[in-house]
Every structure is written in C-alpha cells, then in structure tokens.
Amino acid sequence: MRLHEGEIEAAGWRVATLLETVDRLRAASPGVTGRPRLIAVDGRGGAGKTFLTHRLCTAGQGDAVVHTDDIAWHHACFDWCALLAEHVLRPLHRGEAVDFRPQAWADHGRPGSITVPAGAGIVWIEGTGVIRAELSQWLDASIYVQGDLDEQERRLTARDGDSPEQRAHVAAWLREELPFLLSERPWSRATMVVAGTPVLPHDPETELVVAR
C-alpha cells in the first residue's frame, strides 16, 4: 500500500460485517445515554469515507450523517472546527436537534441548512480532518479509512475530472491536507482503521476489511 510519508500502515487486516463494526463502535462508548453517539469517519481525500459512512448508516436504525465538507463549504479546508463544535456537536451532546445554516451558505446563496433530527441513534461525522485533538472531547468513537494513494488519486480523477483547474484545486488541497494530517495523526487516534482500498476477499454489501 502506498501511503504518504509519515503515515503508518495498519496491520492484521481481517473481514468484519457491517453490524459487527457498528457494535464494536457502540461498545467503545458504553456510557452514552440521552443523546446520540457521535462517531467520526476520517481519511484522506478519495479514501472512500462518504461511501463507507453511507453503508454504516444504513446498517443502523435512526442514524444520521453530517459531512464536514458542508461546514467547510466556501469557508476553509480545515479551519471549521469551532463551527462544527458549537453548532452541531454541542447541541447533539444536549440531545437536541440540529438546524444550522452556515454564514457562507447565506453569503453564496446556497439553500437549506445542515439538519439532524432529535432522537438519532448514531450521528456519523464524516470528513478529512475530523479526528483531531481539538474535537476529541465531543467524539465517542472514530474510524480512520486508510487507502492506497494511487487508487485514491484515480477515484478523485474519476469523480472530479482531470482539467487544469481541478489539478490546481487538488494541489492546493494537498498543500493543506498533508501537513495537517501528519500533525494530527488521525490513524493513531482512531478507535479502528478500515481499509478504503481492501485486498482481502469480502462481500462489499455486508462486510468491511478492518485492522485487528
């Protein structure tokens, strides 16, 4: 697996079911009552975070998802921690619903808001940079999605195109992503590591490949 310099490859990969994975994450926060569990899903761009989060969410009952890309939209790549904590994580810790319209949405004419209904069982907080020291007090468990860089870059190109503008955007993103993640080392903080580019045979509908 080709990783960026400084990232440690997880070991002891094995196949686990989606339900087993969710149960393991619940077990990591046994004392949560009166509010949803808040579980972070982190990984580099193109690692497969959004797809994994969707699969985990559908395996549960009454779960919800918050994407940090929505917090960061027209704001900043990584300087959105205070917005997420104050307007999403804090009300969820109080057992309240969330209905947050970031100022950047209003400024740029984006309709709607970031919403989470009250009574969710798990709220999955998905996005690069969410497993960070500054948010550790708010998160009950976490997943780091580790993947091969070549495959992640292929996915990004397939998703976003390969125009000069897009290549410039990716280069600008990496100039912030790489030092930020090397500083925070989310792979070492995570409750578990999941393979974003798995090589073990498994059923992609019902199973994941996780590190032991």
N, C-alpha and C. Protein backbone atom coordinates (compact mmCIF):
# COMPACT_ATOMS: atom_id res chain seq x y z
N MET A 1 0.85 -1.19 0.00
CA MET A 1 0.00 0.00 0.00
C MET A 1 0.89 1.24 0.00
N ARG A 2 0.66 2.14 -0.94
CA ARG A 2 1.46 3.37 -0.99
C ARG A 2 0.79 4.45 -0.16
N LEU A 3 1.49 4.91 0.85
CA LEU A 3 0.97 5.94 1.75
C LEU A 3 1.88 7.16 1.69
N HIS A 4 1.35 8.29 2.14
CA HIS A 4 2.21 9.47 2.26
C HIS A 4 3.24 9.24 3.35
N GLU A 5 4.38 9.88 3.19
CA GLU A 5 5.44 9.77 4.18
C GLU A 5 4.92 10.19 5.55
N GLY A 6 5.19 9.36 6.55
CA GLY A 6 4.77 9.65 7.91
C GLY A 6 3.53 8.92 8.35
N GLU A 7 2.71 8.43 7.40
CA GLU A 7 1.51 7.68 7.77
C GLU A 7 1.87 6.22 7.98
N ILE A 8 1.41 5.64 9.07
CA ILE A 8 1.75 4.26 9.42
C ILE A 8 0.67 3.32 8.88
N GLU A 9 1.09 2.29 8.15
CA GLU A 9 0.13 1.33 7.62
C GLU A 9 -0.38 0.43 8.73
N ALA A 10 -1.70 0.28 8.78
CA ALA A 10 -2.30 -0.62 9.76
C ALA A 10 -1.94 -2.07 9.41
N ALA A 11 -2.07 -2.95 10.40
CA ALA A 11 -1.67 -4.35 10.22
C ALA A 11 -2.79 -5.27 10.68
N GLY A 12 -2.65 -6.55 10.31
CA GLY A 12 -3.59 -7.56 10.77
C GLY A 12 -4.99 -7.40 10.19
N TRP A 13 -5.07 -7.14 8.90
CA TRP A 13 -6.38 -6.92 8.28
C TRP A 13 -7.23 -8.19 8.35
N ARG A 14 -8.52 -8.00 8.58
CA ARG A 14 -9.46 -9.11 8.62
C ARG A 14 -10.82 -8.62 8.13
N VAL A 15 -11.68 -9.55 7.81
CA VAL A 15 -13.02 -9.22 7.33
C VAL A 15 -13.97 -9.16 8.52
N ALA A 16 -14.81 -8.11 8.55
CA ALA A 16 -15.83 -7.96 9.59
C ALA A 16 -17.13 -7.53 8.94
N THR A 17 -18.24 -7.91 9.53
CA THR A 17 -19.52 -7.48 8.99
C THR A 17 -19.78 -6.02 9.38
N LEU A 18 -20.68 -5.39 8.64
CA LEU A 18 -21.07 -4.02 8.98
C LEU A 18 -21.66 -3.97 10.38
N LEU A 19 -22.51 -4.92 10.70
CA LEU A 19 -23.15 -4.92 12.02
C LEU A 19 -22.12 -5.14 13.13
N GLU A 20 -21.15 -6.00 12.90
CA GLU A 20 -20.08 -6.22 13.88
C GLU A 20 -19.30 -4.93 14.11
N THR A 21 -19.04 -4.22 13.03
CA THR A 21 -18.29 -2.97 13.12
C THR A 21 -19.06 -1.93 13.92
N VAL A 22 -20.34 -1.79 13.63
CA VAL A 22 -21.17 -0.84 14.38
C VAL A 22 -21.23 -1.22 15.85
N ASP A 23 -21.37 -2.51 16.14
CA ASP A 23 -21.42 -2.96 17.54
C ASP A 23 -20.11 -2.65 18.26
N ARG A 24 -18.99 -2.81 17.56
CA ARG A 24 -17.69 -2.52 18.18
C ARG A 24 -17.57 -1.03 18.50
N LEU A 25 -18.06 -0.19 17.62
CA LEU A 25 -18.01 1.25 17.86
C LEU A 25 -18.94 1.65 19.00
N ARG A 26 -20.11 1.03 19.08
CA ARG A 26 -21.01 1.30 20.21
C ARG A 26 -20.35 0.89 21.52
N ALA A 27 -19.67 -0.26 21.51
CA ALA A 27 -19.03 -0.76 22.73
C ALA A 27 -17.92 0.16 23.20
N ALA A 28 -17.36 0.97 22.30
CA ALA A 28 -16.31 1.90 22.69
C ALA A 28 -16.83 3.07 23.50
N SER A 29 -18.15 3.25 23.53
CA SER A 29 -18.75 4.35 24.29
C SER A 29 -19.96 3.85 25.05
N PRO A 30 -19.75 2.96 26.03
CA PRO A 30 -20.88 2.31 26.71
C PRO A 30 -21.70 3.24 27.59
N GLY A 31 -21.16 4.38 27.99
CA GLY A 31 -21.86 5.25 28.92
C GLY A 31 -22.74 6.30 28.28
N VAL A 32 -22.94 6.26 26.98
CA VAL A 32 -23.72 7.30 26.30
C VAL A 32 -25.20 7.05 26.52
N THR A 33 -25.88 8.02 27.11
CA THR A 33 -27.32 7.95 27.31
C THR A 33 -27.92 9.33 27.07
N GLY A 34 -29.16 9.37 26.63
CA GLY A 34 -29.88 10.63 26.48
C GLY A 34 -29.46 11.46 25.28
N ARG A 35 -28.62 10.92 24.44
CA ARG A 35 -28.17 11.65 23.24
C ARG A 35 -27.62 10.64 22.26
N PRO A 36 -27.42 11.01 21.00
CA PRO A 36 -26.83 10.08 20.04
C PRO A 36 -25.33 9.89 20.28
N ARG A 37 -24.84 8.74 19.86
CA ARG A 37 -23.39 8.57 19.80
C ARG A 37 -22.85 9.38 18.63
N LEU A 38 -21.71 9.99 18.82
CA LEU A 38 -21.08 10.78 17.76
C LEU A 38 -19.82 10.05 17.33
N ILE A 39 -19.84 9.55 16.09
CA ILE A 39 -18.75 8.72 15.59
C ILE A 39 -18.15 9.40 14.36
N ALA A 40 -16.86 9.65 14.42
CA ALA A 40 -16.16 10.33 13.33
C ALA A 40 -15.64 9.32 12.31
N VAL A 41 -15.66 9.73 11.03
CA VAL A 41 -15.07 8.94 9.96
C VAL A 41 -14.10 9.85 9.20
N ASP A 42 -12.82 9.55 9.31
CA ASP A 42 -11.76 10.40 8.76
C ASP A 42 -10.98 9.61 7.71
N GLY A 43 -10.19 10.30 6.93
CA GLY A 43 -9.33 9.69 5.92
C GLY A 43 -8.97 10.72 4.87
N ARG A 44 -7.99 10.43 4.07
CA ARG A 44 -7.57 11.37 3.03
C ARG A 44 -8.62 11.47 1.93
N GLY A 45 -8.51 12.52 1.14
CA GLY A 45 -9.42 12.69 0.03
C GLY A 45 -9.39 11.49 -0.91
N GLY A 46 -10.56 10.96 -1.28
CA GLY A 46 -10.63 9.80 -2.15
C GLY A 46 -10.48 8.47 -1.46
N ALA A 47 -10.43 8.47 -0.13
CA ALA A 47 -10.23 7.21 0.60
C ALA A 47 -11.48 6.34 0.63
N GLY A 48 -12.65 6.94 0.41
CA GLY A 48 -13.90 6.18 0.48
C GLY A 48 -14.71 6.45 1.73
N LYS A 49 -14.48 7.59 2.37
CA LYS A 49 -15.17 7.93 3.62
C LYS A 49 -16.68 8.04 3.45
N THR A 50 -17.10 8.77 2.42
CA THR A 50 -18.52 9.02 2.24
C THR A 50 -19.27 7.72 1.96
N PHE A 51 -18.70 6.88 1.09
CA PHE A 51 -19.34 5.60 0.76
C PHE A 51 -19.41 4.71 1.99
N LEU A 52 -18.32 4.64 2.76
CA LEU A 52 -18.31 3.83 3.97
C LEU A 52 -19.35 4.34 4.96
N THR A 53 -19.41 5.64 5.15
CA THR A 53 -20.36 6.21 6.11
C THR A 53 -21.80 5.89 5.70
N HIS A 54 -22.09 5.96 4.41
CA HIS A 54 -23.43 5.60 3.94
C HIS A 54 -23.75 4.15 4.28
N ARG A 55 -22.79 3.26 4.07
CA ARG A 55 -23.02 1.84 4.36
C ARG A 55 -23.26 1.62 5.85
N LEU A 56 -22.45 2.25 6.70
CA LEU A 56 -22.62 2.09 8.14
C LEU A 56 -23.94 2.68 8.62
N CYS A 57 -24.30 3.82 8.04
CA CYS A 57 -25.55 4.47 8.43
C CYS A 57 -26.76 3.60 8.08
N THR A 58 -26.75 2.99 6.91
CA THR A 58 -27.88 2.16 6.52
C THR A 58 -27.93 0.86 7.31
N ALA A 59 -26.81 0.47 7.91
CA ALA A 59 -26.81 -0.74 8.74
C ALA A 59 -27.45 -0.49 10.09
N GLY A 60 -27.55 0.77 10.50
CA GLY A 60 -28.15 1.10 11.79
C GLY A 60 -29.62 1.44 11.65
N GLN A 61 -30.17 1.98 12.72
CA GLN A 61 -31.57 2.39 12.73
C GLN A 61 -31.64 3.81 13.30
N GLY A 62 -32.24 4.70 12.52
CA GLY A 62 -32.39 6.07 13.00
C GLY A 62 -31.10 6.85 13.05
N ASP A 63 -30.12 6.48 12.22
CA ASP A 63 -28.84 7.18 12.21
C ASP A 63 -28.91 8.40 11.29
N ALA A 64 -27.93 9.30 11.45
CA ALA A 64 -27.84 10.50 10.62
C ALA A 64 -26.38 10.75 10.30
N VAL A 65 -26.13 11.58 9.27
CA VAL A 65 -24.77 11.88 8.82
C VAL A 65 -24.59 13.39 8.72
N VAL A 66 -23.43 13.87 9.17
CA VAL A 66 -23.01 15.26 8.96
C VAL A 66 -21.69 15.21 8.20
N HIS A 67 -21.62 15.93 7.08
CA HIS A 67 -20.40 15.99 6.27
C HIS A 67 -19.64 17.28 6.59
N THR A 68 -18.38 17.15 6.95
CA THR A 68 -17.61 18.37 7.24
C THR A 68 -17.43 19.22 5.99
N ASP A 69 -17.54 18.63 4.80
CA ASP A 69 -17.47 19.44 3.57
C ASP A 69 -18.58 20.49 3.55
N ASP A 70 -19.71 20.18 4.18
CA ASP A 70 -20.79 21.17 4.23
C ASP A 70 -20.45 22.31 5.20
N ILE A 71 -19.76 21.98 6.29
CA ILE A 71 -19.31 23.02 7.22
C ILE A 71 -18.25 23.88 6.55
N ALA A 72 -17.36 23.24 5.77
CA ALA A 72 -16.22 23.93 5.18
C ALA A 72 -16.56 24.64 3.87
N TRP A 73 -17.74 24.44 3.34
CA TRP A 73 -18.10 24.97 2.02
C TRP A 73 -17.92 26.49 1.97
N HIS A 74 -17.08 26.96 1.06
CA HIS A 74 -16.75 28.38 0.93
C HIS A 74 -16.26 28.98 2.26
N HIS A 75 -15.66 28.14 3.10
CA HIS A 75 -15.15 28.64 4.38
C HIS A 75 -13.64 28.41 4.45
N ALA A 76 -13.22 27.15 4.67
CA ALA A 76 -11.79 26.83 4.72
C ALA A 76 -11.64 25.33 4.67
N CYS A 77 -10.47 24.86 4.23
CA CYS A 77 -10.25 23.42 4.16
C CYS A 77 -10.31 22.75 5.53
N PHE A 78 -9.69 23.36 6.53
CA PHE A 78 -9.61 22.71 7.83
C PHE A 78 -9.97 23.62 9.01
N ASP A 79 -10.13 24.89 8.79
CA ASP A 79 -10.41 25.83 9.88
C ASP A 79 -11.91 25.97 10.11
N TRP A 80 -12.57 24.82 10.38
CA TRP A 80 -14.02 24.82 10.60
C TRP A 80 -14.37 24.17 11.94
N CYS A 81 -13.36 23.88 12.73
CA CYS A 81 -13.56 23.12 13.97
C CYS A 81 -14.54 23.80 14.92
N ALA A 82 -14.39 25.11 15.12
CA ALA A 82 -15.26 25.82 16.06
C ALA A 82 -16.70 25.83 15.58
N LEU A 83 -16.92 25.98 14.27
CA LEU A 83 -18.28 25.95 13.74
C LEU A 83 -18.93 24.59 13.98
N LEU A 84 -18.20 23.52 13.70
CA LEU A 84 -18.74 22.18 13.91
C LEU A 84 -19.06 21.93 15.38
N ALA A 85 -18.13 22.29 16.26
CA ALA A 85 -18.33 22.04 17.69
C ALA A 85 -19.51 22.84 18.24
N GLU A 86 -19.59 24.11 17.92
CA GLU A 86 -20.60 24.98 18.52
C GLU A 86 -22.00 24.73 17.96
N HIS A 87 -22.11 24.51 16.66
CA HIS A 87 -23.42 24.49 16.02
C HIS A 87 -23.94 23.08 15.72
N VAL A 88 -23.08 22.07 15.83
CA VAL A 88 -23.51 20.71 15.57
C VAL A 88 -23.26 19.80 16.78
N LEU A 89 -22.01 19.69 17.21
CA LEU A 89 -21.67 18.74 18.26
C LEU A 89 -22.24 19.13 19.62
N ARG A 90 -22.18 20.41 19.96
CA ARG A 90 -22.69 20.85 21.26
C ARG A 90 -24.20 20.58 21.40
N PRO A 91 -25.03 20.99 20.44
CA PRO A 91 -26.46 20.66 20.59
C PRO A 91 -26.73 19.16 20.59
N LEU A 92 -25.98 18.39 19.82
CA LEU A 92 -26.19 16.94 19.84
C LEU A 92 -25.85 16.36 21.21
N HIS A 93 -24.83 16.90 21.87
CA HIS A 93 -24.48 16.44 23.21
C HIS A 93 -25.59 16.76 24.22
N ARG A 94 -26.37 17.77 23.92
CA ARG A 94 -27.51 18.10 24.79
C ARG A 94 -28.77 17.31 24.41
N GLY A 95 -28.65 16.45 23.41
CA GLY A 95 -29.80 15.68 22.97
C GLY A 95 -30.76 16.47 22.11
N GLU A 96 -30.30 17.57 21.54
CA GLU A 96 -31.16 18.44 20.75
C GLU A 96 -31.01 18.18 19.26
N ALA A 97 -32.01 18.60 18.50
CA ALA A 97 -31.90 18.56 17.04
C ALA A 97 -30.94 19.65 16.57
N VAL A 98 -30.45 19.49 15.36
CA VAL A 98 -29.55 20.48 14.74
C VAL A 98 -30.23 21.05 13.50
N ASP A 99 -30.18 22.37 13.38
CA ASP A 99 -30.62 23.05 12.16
C ASP A 99 -29.71 24.27 12.00
N PHE A 100 -28.60 24.06 11.30
CA PHE A 100 -27.54 25.06 11.22
C PHE A 100 -27.32 25.48 9.78
N ARG A 101 -27.46 26.77 9.52
CA ARG A 101 -27.18 27.33 8.20
C ARG A 101 -25.92 28.17 8.29
N PRO A 102 -24.78 27.63 7.82
CA PRO A 102 -23.53 28.39 7.90
C PRO A 102 -23.63 29.72 7.18
N GLN A 103 -22.90 30.71 7.69
CA GLN A 103 -22.94 32.03 7.09
C GLN A 103 -22.51 31.99 5.62
N ALA A 104 -21.54 31.12 5.30
CA ALA A 104 -21.08 31.02 3.91
C ALA A 104 -22.19 30.57 2.98
N TRP A 105 -23.12 29.76 3.49
CA TRP A 105 -24.25 29.35 2.66
C TRP A 105 -25.11 30.56 2.30
N ALA A 106 -25.38 31.37 3.31
CA ALA A 106 -26.18 32.58 3.06
C ALA A 106 -25.45 33.54 2.13
N ASP A 107 -24.15 33.71 2.35
CA ASP A 107 -23.37 34.66 1.55
C ASP A 107 -23.33 34.25 0.08
N HIS A 108 -23.34 32.95 -0.19
CA HIS A 108 -23.18 32.47 -1.57
C HIS A 108 -24.47 31.89 -2.15
N GLY A 109 -25.58 32.09 -1.45
CA GLY A 109 -26.87 31.71 -1.99
C GLY A 109 -27.16 30.22 -2.00
N ARG A 110 -26.51 29.45 -1.15
CA ARG A 110 -26.81 28.03 -1.07
C ARG A 110 -28.05 27.83 -0.22
N PRO A 111 -29.08 27.16 -0.73
CA PRO A 111 -30.30 26.99 0.05
C PRO A 111 -30.15 25.91 1.13
N GLY A 112 -31.11 25.89 2.05
CA GLY A 112 -31.18 24.82 3.04
C GLY A 112 -30.29 25.05 4.24
N SER A 113 -30.06 23.96 4.98
CA SER A 113 -29.25 24.01 6.20
C SER A 113 -28.76 22.61 6.52
N ILE A 114 -27.88 22.52 7.48
CA ILE A 114 -27.38 21.23 7.99
C ILE A 114 -28.32 20.81 9.10
N THR A 115 -29.00 19.69 8.91
CA THR A 115 -30.01 19.28 9.89
C THR A 115 -29.74 17.87 10.39
N VAL A 116 -30.04 17.66 11.67
CA VAL A 116 -30.03 16.34 12.29
C VAL A 116 -31.25 16.28 13.20
N PRO A 117 -32.14 15.33 13.01
CA PRO A 117 -33.32 15.26 13.86
C PRO A 117 -32.97 14.80 15.27
N ALA A 118 -33.76 15.20 16.23
CA ALA A 118 -33.59 14.70 17.59
C ALA A 118 -33.91 13.21 17.61
N GLY A 119 -33.25 12.48 18.48
CA GLY A 119 -33.54 11.06 18.65
C GLY A 119 -32.73 10.13 17.77
N ALA A 120 -31.74 10.63 17.03
CA ALA A 120 -30.89 9.76 16.23
C ALA A 120 -30.10 8.82 17.13
N GLY A 121 -29.89 7.59 16.66
CA GLY A 121 -29.11 6.65 17.46
C GLY A 121 -27.63 6.94 17.39
N ILE A 122 -27.12 7.08 16.17
CA ILE A 122 -25.73 7.44 15.92
C ILE A 122 -25.72 8.58 14.92
N VAL A 123 -24.89 9.58 15.16
CA VAL A 123 -24.62 10.61 14.17
C VAL A 123 -23.19 10.42 13.71
N TRP A 124 -23.04 10.13 12.42
CA TRP A 124 -21.73 9.92 11.81
C TRP A 124 -21.22 11.26 11.31
N ILE A 125 -20.05 11.68 11.79
CA ILE A 125 -19.44 12.95 11.39
C ILE A 125 -18.31 12.60 10.43
N GLU A 126 -18.52 12.87 9.14
CA GLU A 126 -17.63 12.36 8.10
C GLU A 126 -16.85 13.50 7.44
N GLY A 127 -15.52 13.32 7.33
CA GLY A 127 -14.73 14.29 6.61
C GLY A 127 -13.26 14.26 6.98
N THR A 128 -12.43 14.66 6.04
CA THR A 128 -10.99 14.71 6.29
C THR A 128 -10.69 15.74 7.37
N GLY A 129 -9.99 15.31 8.41
CA GLY A 129 -9.58 16.21 9.49
C GLY A 129 -10.49 16.22 10.69
N VAL A 130 -11.51 15.35 10.72
CA VAL A 130 -12.43 15.40 11.85
C VAL A 130 -11.87 14.71 13.10
N ILE A 131 -10.98 13.73 12.93
CA ILE A 131 -10.33 13.13 14.10
C ILE A 131 -9.13 13.99 14.45
N ARG A 132 -9.35 14.95 15.30
CA ARG A 132 -8.29 15.88 15.71
C ARG A 132 -8.39 16.11 17.20
N ALA A 133 -7.29 16.52 17.79
CA ALA A 133 -7.24 16.69 19.24
C ALA A 133 -8.30 17.67 19.72
N GLU A 134 -8.54 18.72 18.95
CA GLU A 134 -9.46 19.77 19.37
C GLU A 134 -10.91 19.29 19.48
N LEU A 135 -11.24 18.19 18.81
CA LEU A 135 -12.61 17.68 18.85
C LEU A 135 -12.76 16.42 19.68
N SER A 136 -11.69 15.95 20.30
CA SER A 136 -11.72 14.67 20.99
C SER A 136 -12.76 14.63 22.11
N GLN A 137 -13.01 15.76 22.77
CA GLN A 137 -13.98 15.76 23.87
C GLN A 137 -15.40 15.52 23.39
N TRP A 138 -15.67 15.74 22.10
CA TRP A 138 -17.03 15.62 21.58
C TRP A 138 -17.32 14.26 20.96
N LEU A 139 -16.28 13.51 20.59
CA LEU A 139 -16.45 12.29 19.81
C LEU A 139 -16.41 11.06 20.71
N ASP A 140 -17.34 10.12 20.44
CA ASP A 140 -17.42 8.90 21.25
C ASP A 140 -16.60 7.76 20.67
N ALA A 141 -16.40 7.74 19.37
CA ALA A 141 -15.62 6.71 18.71
C ALA A 141 -15.25 7.23 17.33
N SER A 142 -14.37 6.51 16.63
CA SER A 142 -13.92 7.03 15.34
C SER A 142 -13.35 5.92 14.47
N ILE A 143 -13.40 6.19 13.16
CA ILE A 143 -12.82 5.31 12.14
C ILE A 143 -11.86 6.13 11.30
N TYR A 144 -10.70 5.56 11.03
CA TYR A 144 -9.81 6.13 10.02
C TYR A 144 -9.83 5.20 8.82
N VAL A 145 -10.13 5.76 7.65
CA VAL A 145 -10.17 4.99 6.40
C VAL A 145 -8.82 5.13 5.72
N GLN A 146 -8.08 4.01 5.66
CA GLN A 146 -6.73 4.04 5.09
C GLN A 146 -6.77 3.40 3.71
N GLY A 147 -6.16 4.08 2.72
CA GLY A 147 -6.19 3.55 1.37
C GLY A 147 -4.92 3.83 0.61
N ASP A 148 -4.73 3.10 -0.47
CA ASP A 148 -3.58 3.27 -1.34
C ASP A 148 -3.69 4.58 -2.10
N LEU A 149 -2.62 5.36 -2.11
CA LEU A 149 -2.65 6.69 -2.73
C LEU A 149 -2.96 6.64 -4.22
N ASP A 150 -2.42 5.65 -4.93
CA ASP A 150 -2.67 5.57 -6.36
C ASP A 150 -4.16 5.37 -6.64
N GLU A 151 -4.80 4.50 -5.85
CA GLU A 151 -6.22 4.26 -6.04
C GLU A 151 -7.04 5.48 -5.63
N GLN A 152 -6.65 6.15 -4.56
CA GLN A 152 -7.38 7.33 -4.13
C GLN A 152 -7.30 8.43 -5.19
N GLU A 153 -6.12 8.61 -5.79
CA GLU A 153 -5.97 9.62 -6.83
C GLU A 153 -6.80 9.26 -8.06
N ARG A 154 -6.88 7.97 -8.39
CA ARG A 154 -7.71 7.54 -9.51
C ARG A 154 -9.18 7.86 -9.24
N ARG A 155 -9.62 7.60 -8.01
CA ARG A 155 -11.00 7.89 -7.65
C ARG A 155 -11.31 9.38 -7.74
N LEU A 156 -10.39 10.20 -7.26
CA LEU A 156 -10.62 11.64 -7.31
C LEU A 156 -10.73 12.13 -8.75
N THR A 157 -9.88 11.59 -9.61
CA THR A 157 -9.94 11.99 -11.02
C THR A 157 -11.25 11.54 -11.65
N ALA A 158 -11.68 10.29 -11.34
CA ALA A 158 -12.93 9.79 -11.88
C ALA A 158 -14.12 10.61 -11.37
N ARG A 159 -14.03 11.07 -10.13
CA ARG A 159 -15.14 11.81 -9.54
C ARG A 159 -15.18 13.27 -9.99
N ASP A 160 -13.99 13.92 -10.01
CA ASP A 160 -13.95 15.37 -10.18
C ASP A 160 -13.37 15.82 -11.51
N GLY A 161 -12.85 14.87 -12.33
CA GLY A 161 -12.28 15.25 -13.61
C GLY A 161 -10.78 15.53 -13.52
N ASP A 162 -10.18 15.78 -14.67
CA ASP A 162 -8.73 15.98 -14.74
C ASP A 162 -8.39 17.24 -15.52
N SER A 163 -9.19 18.27 -15.34
CA SER A 163 -8.93 19.54 -16.00
C SER A 163 -7.78 20.27 -15.30
N PRO A 164 -7.18 21.25 -15.96
CA PRO A 164 -6.13 22.04 -15.28
C PRO A 164 -6.64 22.69 -14.01
N GLU A 165 -7.89 23.14 -14.03
CA GLU A 165 -8.46 23.78 -12.83
C GLU A 165 -8.58 22.77 -11.69
N GLN A 166 -9.01 21.55 -12.02
CA GLN A 166 -9.16 20.54 -10.98
C GLN A 166 -7.81 20.11 -10.44
N ARG A 167 -6.81 19.97 -11.31
CA ARG A 167 -5.47 19.61 -10.84
C ARG A 167 -4.92 20.68 -9.90
N ALA A 168 -5.19 21.95 -10.23
CA ALA A 168 -4.73 23.04 -9.35
C ALA A 168 -5.46 22.99 -8.01
N HIS A 169 -6.76 22.66 -8.05
CA HIS A 169 -7.53 22.55 -6.81
C HIS A 169 -6.98 21.43 -5.92
N VAL A 170 -6.71 20.26 -6.53
CA VAL A 170 -6.18 19.13 -5.76
C VAL A 170 -4.81 19.47 -5.17
N ALA A 171 -3.97 20.15 -5.94
CA ALA A 171 -2.65 20.53 -5.44
C ALA A 171 -2.76 21.48 -4.26
N ALA A 172 -3.69 22.42 -4.34
CA ALA A 172 -3.89 23.36 -3.24
C ALA A 172 -4.40 22.64 -2.01
N TRP A 173 -5.31 21.68 -2.23
CA TRP A 173 -5.85 20.90 -1.11
C TRP A 173 -4.73 20.11 -0.43
N LEU A 174 -3.89 19.44 -1.22
CA LEU A 174 -2.83 18.62 -0.65
C LEU A 174 -1.83 19.45 0.13
N ARG A 175 -1.62 20.69 -0.28
CA ARG A 175 -0.69 21.56 0.46
C ARG A 175 -1.18 21.80 1.89
N GLU A 176 -2.48 21.71 2.11
CA GLU A 176 -3.02 21.84 3.46
C GLU A 176 -3.25 20.48 4.12
N GLU A 177 -3.73 19.50 3.32
CA GLU A 177 -4.06 18.19 3.88
C GLU A 177 -2.86 17.49 4.48
N LEU A 178 -1.78 17.42 3.74
CA LEU A 178 -0.64 16.61 4.17
C LEU A 178 -0.05 17.08 5.50
N PRO A 179 0.32 18.35 5.66
CA PRO A 179 0.87 18.75 6.96
C PRO A 179 -0.15 18.67 8.09
N PHE A 180 -1.43 18.94 7.78
CA PHE A 180 -2.44 18.88 8.83
C PHE A 180 -2.57 17.46 9.37
N LEU A 181 -2.72 16.48 8.48
CA LEU A 181 -2.90 15.10 8.94
C LEU A 181 -1.64 14.54 9.57
N LEU A 182 -0.47 14.95 9.08
CA LEU A 182 0.76 14.49 9.72
C LEU A 182 0.90 15.06 11.11
N SER A 183 0.36 16.25 11.33
CA SER A 183 0.38 16.83 12.67
C SER A 183 -0.61 16.13 13.60
N GLU A 184 -1.82 15.87 13.11
CA GLU A 184 -2.87 15.27 13.95
C GLU A 184 -2.79 13.75 14.05
N ARG A 185 -2.24 13.08 13.03
CA ARG A 185 -2.07 11.63 13.01
C ARG A 185 -3.39 10.91 13.39
N PRO A 186 -4.44 11.11 12.61
CA PRO A 186 -5.73 10.51 12.96
C PRO A 186 -5.72 8.99 12.98
N TRP A 187 -4.84 8.36 12.19
CA TRP A 187 -4.76 6.90 12.18
C TRP A 187 -4.35 6.35 13.54
N SER A 188 -3.61 7.15 14.31
CA SER A 188 -3.19 6.68 15.63
C SER A 188 -4.22 7.00 16.71
N ARG A 189 -5.15 7.90 16.45
CA ARG A 189 -6.19 8.27 17.42
C ARG A 189 -7.46 7.43 17.26
N ALA A 190 -7.65 6.84 16.08
CA ALA A 190 -8.94 6.23 15.75
C ALA A 190 -9.24 4.99 16.58
N THR A 191 -10.52 4.77 16.84
CA THR A 191 -10.97 3.55 17.50
C THR A 191 -10.65 2.33 16.64
N MET A 192 -10.83 2.46 15.32
CA MET A 192 -10.49 1.38 14.40
C MET A 192 -10.08 1.96 13.06
N VAL A 193 -9.35 1.15 12.31
CA VAL A 193 -8.93 1.51 10.96
C VAL A 193 -9.62 0.57 9.98
N VAL A 194 -10.22 1.15 8.95
CA VAL A 194 -10.91 0.39 7.91
C VAL A 194 -10.16 0.58 6.60
N ALA A 195 -10.08 -0.46 5.81
CA ALA A 195 -9.40 -0.39 4.52
C ALA A 195 -10.29 0.29 3.50
N GLY A 196 -9.80 1.40 2.95
CA GLY A 196 -10.52 2.07 1.89
C GLY A 196 -10.27 1.44 0.54
N THR A 197 -9.14 0.75 0.41
CA THR A 197 -8.81 0.02 -0.82
C THR A 197 -8.48 -1.42 -0.42
N PRO A 198 -9.48 -2.20 -0.01
CA PRO A 198 -9.22 -3.53 0.54
C PRO A 198 -8.74 -4.51 -0.52
N VAL A 199 -7.89 -5.46 -0.09
CA VAL A 199 -7.41 -6.51 -0.98
C VAL A 199 -7.94 -7.88 -0.56
N LEU A 200 -8.42 -8.02 0.66
CA LEU A 200 -8.97 -9.30 1.10
C LEU A 200 -10.34 -9.53 0.45
N PRO A 201 -10.64 -10.77 0.04
CA PRO A 201 -11.96 -11.06 -0.49
C PRO A 201 -13.03 -10.83 0.58
N HIS A 202 -14.11 -10.16 0.20
CA HIS A 202 -15.20 -9.90 1.13
C HIS A 202 -16.44 -9.53 0.34
N ASP A 203 -17.58 -9.56 1.01
CA ASP A 203 -18.84 -9.18 0.39
C ASP A 203 -19.00 -7.67 0.56
N PRO A 204 -18.89 -6.87 -0.50
CA PRO A 204 -18.96 -5.41 -0.34
C PRO A 204 -20.33 -4.91 0.12
N GLU A 205 -21.34 -5.75 0.05
CA GLU A 205 -22.66 -5.33 0.51
C GLU A 205 -22.81 -5.42 2.01
N THR A 206 -22.13 -6.38 2.63
CA THR A 206 -22.36 -6.64 4.04
C THR A 206 -21.10 -6.65 4.90
N GLU A 207 -19.91 -6.55 4.28
CA GLU A 207 -18.67 -6.69 5.02
C GLU A 207 -17.67 -5.57 4.73
N LEU A 208 -16.75 -5.41 5.67
CA LEU A 208 -15.63 -4.48 5.56
C LEU A 208 -14.35 -5.23 5.83
N VAL A 209 -13.23 -4.58 5.49
CA VAL A 209 -11.92 -5.10 5.88
C VAL A 209 -11.36 -4.13 6.92
N VAL A 210 -11.09 -4.63 8.12
CA VAL A 210 -10.66 -3.78 9.24
C VAL A 210 -9.34 -4.30 9.78
N ALA A 211 -8.59 -3.40 10.42
CA ALA A 211 -7.34 -3.81 11.06
C ALA A 211 -7.62 -4.41 12.42
N ARG A 212 -6.82 -5.39 12.80
CA ARG A 212 -7.02 -6.05 14.08
C ARG A 212 -6.69 -5.12 15.24
